[in-house]
Protein backbone atom coordinates (compact mmCIF):
# COMPACT_ATOMS: atom_id res chain seq x y z
CA UNK A 1 9.82 -8.64 -6.39
CA UNK A 2 11.96 -7.90 -3.34
CA UNK A 3 14.38 -5.00 -3.23
CA UNK A 4 16.54 -3.27 -0.65
CA UNK A 5 15.58 0.38 -0.60
CA UNK A 6 18.49 2.78 -0.88
CA UNK A 7 17.52 5.27 1.75
CA UNK A 8 18.35 5.90 5.36
CA UNK A 9 16.09 4.06 7.76
CA UNK A 10 14.56 6.50 10.20
CA UNK A 11 12.51 5.63 13.24
CA UNK A 12 9.07 6.64 12.12
CA UNK A 13 5.94 5.51 13.91
CA UNK A 14 2.81 3.80 12.68
CA UNK A 15 0.84 6.80 13.94
CA UNK A 16 2.77 9.06 11.52
CA UNK A 17 1.09 7.44 8.50
CA UNK A 18 -1.37 9.59 6.59
CA UNK A 19 -3.74 8.80 3.72
CA UNK A 20 -4.47 10.81 0.58
CA UNK A 21 -6.35 10.36 -2.67
CA UNK A 22 -5.48 12.17 -5.88
CA UNK A 23 -1.85 13.11 -5.27
CA UNK A 24 0.43 13.18 -8.27
CA UNK A 25 3.32 10.73 -8.52
CA UNK A 26 5.80 11.18 -5.68
CA UNK A 27 9.50 10.25 -5.92
CA UNK A 28 9.71 6.46 -5.72
CA UNK A 29 12.54 4.21 -4.56
CA UNK A 30 11.07 1.20 -6.41
CA UNK A 31 8.20 0.67 -8.86
CA UNK A 32 6.34 -2.24 -10.38
CA UNK A 33 4.17 -1.71 -13.47
CA UNK A 34 1.30 -4.18 -13.86
CA UNK A 35 -1.29 -4.82 -16.55
CA UNK A 36 -4.36 -6.27 -14.85
CA UNK A 37 -6.97 -6.75 -17.57
CA UNK A 38 -7.62 -3.30 -18.99
CA UNK A 39 -6.15 -1.60 -15.91
CA UNK A 40 -2.64 -0.19 -15.70
CA UNK A 41 -1.42 -0.29 -12.11
CA UNK A 42 1.82 1.08 -10.79
CA UNK A 43 2.91 0.01 -7.31
CA UNK A 44 5.37 2.55 -5.88
CA UNK A 45 7.51 2.25 -2.76
CA UNK A 46 8.30 5.64 -1.31
CA UNK A 47 10.90 6.44 1.31
CA UNK A 48 7.94 7.18 3.56
CA UNK A 49 5.72 4.20 2.53
CA UNK A 50 3.56 3.60 -0.60
CA UNK A 51 1.64 5.00 -3.54
CA UNK A 52 -0.60 3.17 -6.02
CA UNK A 53 -1.47 4.70 -9.39
CA UNK A 54 -4.39 3.11 -11.26
CA UNK A 55 -5.42 4.02 -14.79
CA UNK A 56 -8.31 2.56 -16.76
CA UNK A 57 -10.54 3.73 -19.57
CA UNK A 58 -12.99 4.98 -16.92
CA UNK A 59 -10.45 7.20 -15.21
CA UNK A 60 -7.56 7.30 -12.78
CA UNK A 61 -7.03 6.79 -9.07
CA UNK A 62 -4.02 7.68 -6.95
CA UNK A 63 -3.72 6.43 -3.37
CA UNK A 64 -0.89 7.50 -1.08
CA UNK A 65 -0.26 6.12 2.39
CA UNK A 66 2.89 7.65 3.78
CA UNK A 67 4.47 9.73 6.50
CA UNK A 68 3.67 13.10 4.95
CA UNK A 69 4.74 16.08 7.05
CA UNK A 70 1.93 18.60 7.36
CA UNK A 71 -0.75 16.17 6.15
CA UNK A 72 -4.14 16.90 7.63
CA UNK A 73 -5.61 13.45 6.94
CA UNK A 74 -4.32 10.78 9.35
CA UNK A 75 -4.64 7.14 8.41
CA UNK A 76 -8.36 6.33 8.62
CA UNK A 77 -9.72 2.94 9.66
CA UNK A 78 -12.05 3.00 6.66
CA UNK A 79 -13.09 5.11 3.69
CA UNK A 80 -15.78 4.62 1.05
CA UNK A 81 -15.96 7.16 -1.79
CA UNK A 82 -17.29 7.55 -5.28
CA UNK A 83 -14.64 8.40 -7.84
CA UNK A 84 -16.48 9.11 -11.08
CA UNK A 85 -17.80 5.74 -12.24
CA UNK A 86 -15.89 3.90 -9.51
CA UNK A 87 -16.50 2.93 -5.93
CA UNK A 88 -13.36 3.23 -3.82
CA UNK A 89 -13.05 1.40 -0.50
CA UNK A 90 -10.08 1.58 1.84
CA UNK A 91 -9.50 -0.07 5.21
CA UNK A 92 -6.53 0.02 7.58
CA UNK A 93 -5.63 -2.09 10.59
CA UNK A 94 -2.79 -1.60 13.08
CA UNK A 95 -1.55 -4.70 14.88
CA UNK A 96 0.91 -4.80 17.78
CA UNK A 97 2.99 -7.97 17.98
CA UNK A 98 5.60 -9.39 20.35
CA UNK A 99 9.20 -9.28 19.10
CA UNK A 100 9.20 -12.99 18.17
CA UNK A 101 5.79 -12.85 16.51
CA UNK A 102 6.79 -9.71 14.64
CA UNK A 103 9.92 -11.33 13.17
CA UNK A 104 7.99 -14.41 12.04
CA UNK A 105 5.18 -12.38 10.51
CA UNK A 106 7.68 -10.12 8.71
CA UNK A 107 9.44 -13.13 7.15
CA UNK A 108 6.11 -14.68 6.14
CA UNK A 109 4.85 -11.50 4.45
CA UNK A 110 8.12 -10.79 2.66
CA UNK A 111 8.17 -14.35 1.28
CA UNK A 112 4.53 -14.11 0.14
CA UNK A 113 4.93 -10.79 -1.63
CA UNK A 114 8.42 -11.24 -3.10
CA UNK A 115 7.42 -14.54 -4.76
CA UNK A 116 4.17 -13.16 -6.22
CA UNK A 117 4.18 -11.83 -9.82
CA UNK A 118 2.03 -8.85 -8.74
CA UNK A 119 3.97 -8.13 -5.55
CA UNK A 120 6.55 -5.52 -4.63
CA UNK A 121 8.40 -5.41 -1.32
CA UNK A 122 11.23 -3.23 -0.12
CA UNK A 123 13.33 -3.64 2.99
CA UNK A 124 15.00 -0.70 4.66
CA UNK A 125 18.67 -0.81 5.63
CA UNK A 126 19.32 -0.86 9.35
CA UNK A 127 16.60 -3.30 10.42
CA UNK A 128 15.94 -6.74 8.89
CA UNK A 129 12.23 -6.45 9.64
CA UNK A 130 11.63 -2.88 8.45
CA UNK A 131 9.74 -3.12 5.17
CA UNK A 132 6.87 -1.97 3.01
CA UNK A 133 5.14 -4.60 0.86
CA UNK A 134 2.36 -4.39 -1.72
CA UNK A 135 0.30 -6.94 -3.63
CA UNK A 136 -2.26 -6.18 -6.39
CA UNK A 137 -4.86 -8.26 -8.21
CA UNK A 138 -7.87 -7.97 -10.47
CA UNK A 139 -10.90 -9.94 -9.37
CA UNK A 140 -14.52 -9.81 -10.52
CA UNK A 141 -13.95 -6.61 -12.49
CA UNK A 142 -12.32 -4.85 -9.53
CA UNK A 143 -8.72 -3.87 -8.89
CA UNK A 144 -7.62 -4.62 -5.34
CA UNK A 145 -4.41 -4.15 -3.45
CA UNK A 146 -3.08 -4.86 0.00
CA UNK A 147 -0.13 -3.25 1.70
CA UNK A 148 1.91 -3.93 4.81
CA UNK A 149 4.07 -1.37 6.59
CA UNK A 150 6.29 -2.58 9.41
CA UNK A 151 7.57 -0.64 12.38
CA UNK A 152 9.85 -3.09 14.22
CA UNK A 153 10.92 -0.53 16.85
CA UNK A 154 7.26 -0.40 17.98
CA UNK A 155 6.35 -3.99 17.11
CA UNK A 156 3.55 -2.64 14.91
CA UNK A 157 2.35 -3.81 11.54
CA UNK A 158 -0.02 -1.60 9.55
CA UNK A 159 -2.12 -3.43 6.95
CA UNK A 160 -4.24 -1.68 4.35
CA UNK A 161 -6.77 -3.10 1.92
CA UNK A 162 -8.17 -1.20 -1.08
CA UNK A 163 -10.86 -2.04 -3.62
CA UNK A 164 -11.71 0.01 -6.71
CA UNK A 165 -14.62 -1.15 -8.85
CA UNK A 166 -17.31 0.09 -11.19
CA UNK A 167 -20.34 1.55 -9.45
CA UNK A 168 -23.51 -0.46 -10.09
CA UNK A 169 -26.48 1.84 -10.75
CA UNK A 170 -29.42 1.52 -8.35
CA UNK A 171 -32.14 -0.84 -9.51
CA UNK A 172 -29.87 -3.02 -11.65
C-alpha cells in the first residue's frame, strides 16, 4: 500500500534517527494491520519514521525507529536481545548514494513495497523521493520486517532489518 503522508516535510537527517523497544503506540499517519500466522502485526508510519507493533500468544514487541527529540538511544548498527520467550535481532545500515542512484533506488523500493500485500509505504509532500517504507513477513516461525527511510537532501538511505522468533532452549 502506498500513501501520501499528510504532514509537512522537514529536513531531518539520517543521523537524527533513534531506536527504542517497548514504547506504546505513537500517533500514526498511516497503518497496516497484518495477520501473519498467529501473529498480529501493525506497521505504522509516523511523521518521524516508523513503529512496528507485534502481538502473539507469547507476548508483545514494540519497535520504534524515529527522530525522537531527547532520545538517548541513537540508531544502533545491531542489537540482539531476549524478550521473554523471544529472540529479537535488529540491524541498521546507512547508505550514501549519488543523486541519480538515489532516485532510481527510491523508485525501485516504492514499487516493491507498494505492490506487496504486506507492505506499507508513505511519501512525504515536498520531495518525490522522501519516503518511509516497510515490509513484513512470517518465515520459519519468525516474524521479520524491513524498513527503508530516505533522506534525499543528504542522498542517504537508512535500511533496517528485524527478526523476532522463539528462543530455542540450549541442548535442543
